[in-house]
Amino acid sequence: VEAWFHLYGCRRWVRLSRDTRTDEIQ
């Protein structure tokens, strides 16, 4: 489960980062 959660979270974070494009995330 940890691996799935990590992979899903990582992908979600990347997608969210692209949508927001904010310096705060960087």
N, C-alpha and C. Protein backbone atom coordinates (compact mmCIF):
# COMPACT_ATOMS: atom_id res chain seq x y z
N VAL A 1 0.85 -1.21 0.00
CA VAL A 1 0.00 0.00 0.00
C VAL A 1 0.88 1.25 0.00
N GLU A 2 1.93 1.23 0.76
CA GLU A 2 2.81 2.41 0.83
C GLU A 2 3.33 2.79 -0.55
N ALA A 3 3.76 1.77 -1.29
CA ALA A 3 4.30 2.05 -2.64
C ALA A 3 3.21 2.70 -3.49
N TRP A 4 2.00 2.15 -3.45
CA TRP A 4 0.92 2.71 -4.27
C TRP A 4 0.63 4.15 -3.85
N PHE A 5 0.54 4.35 -2.54
CA PHE A 5 0.25 5.70 -2.03
C PHE A 5 1.35 6.67 -2.47
N HIS A 6 2.60 6.25 -2.37
CA HIS A 6 3.72 7.12 -2.74
C HIS A 6 3.64 7.46 -4.23
N LEU A 7 3.43 6.44 -5.05
CA LEU A 7 3.37 6.68 -6.50
C LEU A 7 2.19 7.59 -6.84
N TYR A 8 1.03 7.30 -6.28
CA TYR A 8 -0.16 8.11 -6.56
C TYR A 8 0.05 9.55 -6.08
N GLY A 9 0.59 9.69 -4.87
CA GLY A 9 0.82 11.03 -4.32
C GLY A 9 1.81 11.80 -5.18
N CYS A 10 2.87 11.12 -5.61
CA CYS A 10 3.89 11.79 -6.43
C CYS A 10 3.25 12.28 -7.73
N ARG A 11 2.48 11.41 -8.37
CA ARG A 11 1.84 11.81 -9.64
C ARG A 11 0.88 12.95 -9.41
N ARG A 12 0.09 12.84 -8.36
CA ARG A 12 -0.90 13.89 -8.08
C ARG A 12 -0.19 15.21 -7.81
N TRP A 13 0.91 15.16 -7.05
CA TRP A 13 1.65 16.39 -6.73
C TRP A 13 2.17 17.03 -8.02
N VAL A 14 2.72 16.19 -8.91
CA VAL A 14 3.26 16.72 -10.17
C VAL A 14 2.14 17.35 -10.98
N ARG A 15 1.02 16.66 -11.07
CA ARG A 15 -0.10 17.20 -11.86
C ARG A 15 -0.60 18.51 -11.24
N LEU A 16 -0.71 18.52 -9.92
CA LEU A 16 -1.18 19.73 -9.25
C LEU A 16 -0.19 20.86 -9.50
N SER A 17 1.09 20.53 -9.45
CA SER A 17 2.13 21.55 -9.67
C SER A 17 1.96 22.17 -11.05
N ARG A 18 1.70 21.33 -12.05
CA ARG A 18 1.54 21.86 -13.43
C ARG A 18 0.31 22.76 -13.50
N ASP A 19 -0.78 22.34 -12.85
CA ASP A 19 -2.01 23.14 -12.92
C ASP A 19 -1.82 24.48 -12.22
N THR A 20 -1.16 24.47 -11.08
CA THR A 20 -1.00 25.71 -10.32
C THR A 20 0.14 26.56 -10.88
N ARG A 21 1.26 25.92 -11.18
CA ARG A 21 2.44 26.66 -11.68
C ARG A 21 2.81 27.77 -10.69
N THR A 22 2.92 27.42 -9.42
CA THR A 22 3.25 28.45 -8.42
C THR A 22 4.66 28.25 -7.89
N ASP A 23 5.30 29.34 -7.56
CA ASP A 23 6.67 29.24 -7.02
C ASP A 23 6.64 28.56 -5.65
N GLU A 24 5.52 28.67 -4.94
CA GLU A 24 5.44 28.08 -3.60
C GLU A 24 5.73 26.58 -3.67
N ILE A 25 5.20 25.90 -4.67
CA ILE A 25 5.42 24.45 -4.77
C ILE A 25 6.90 24.16 -5.00
N GLN A 26 7.54 24.95 -5.84
CA GLN A 26 8.96 24.72 -6.11
C GLN A 26 9.73 24.90 -4.80
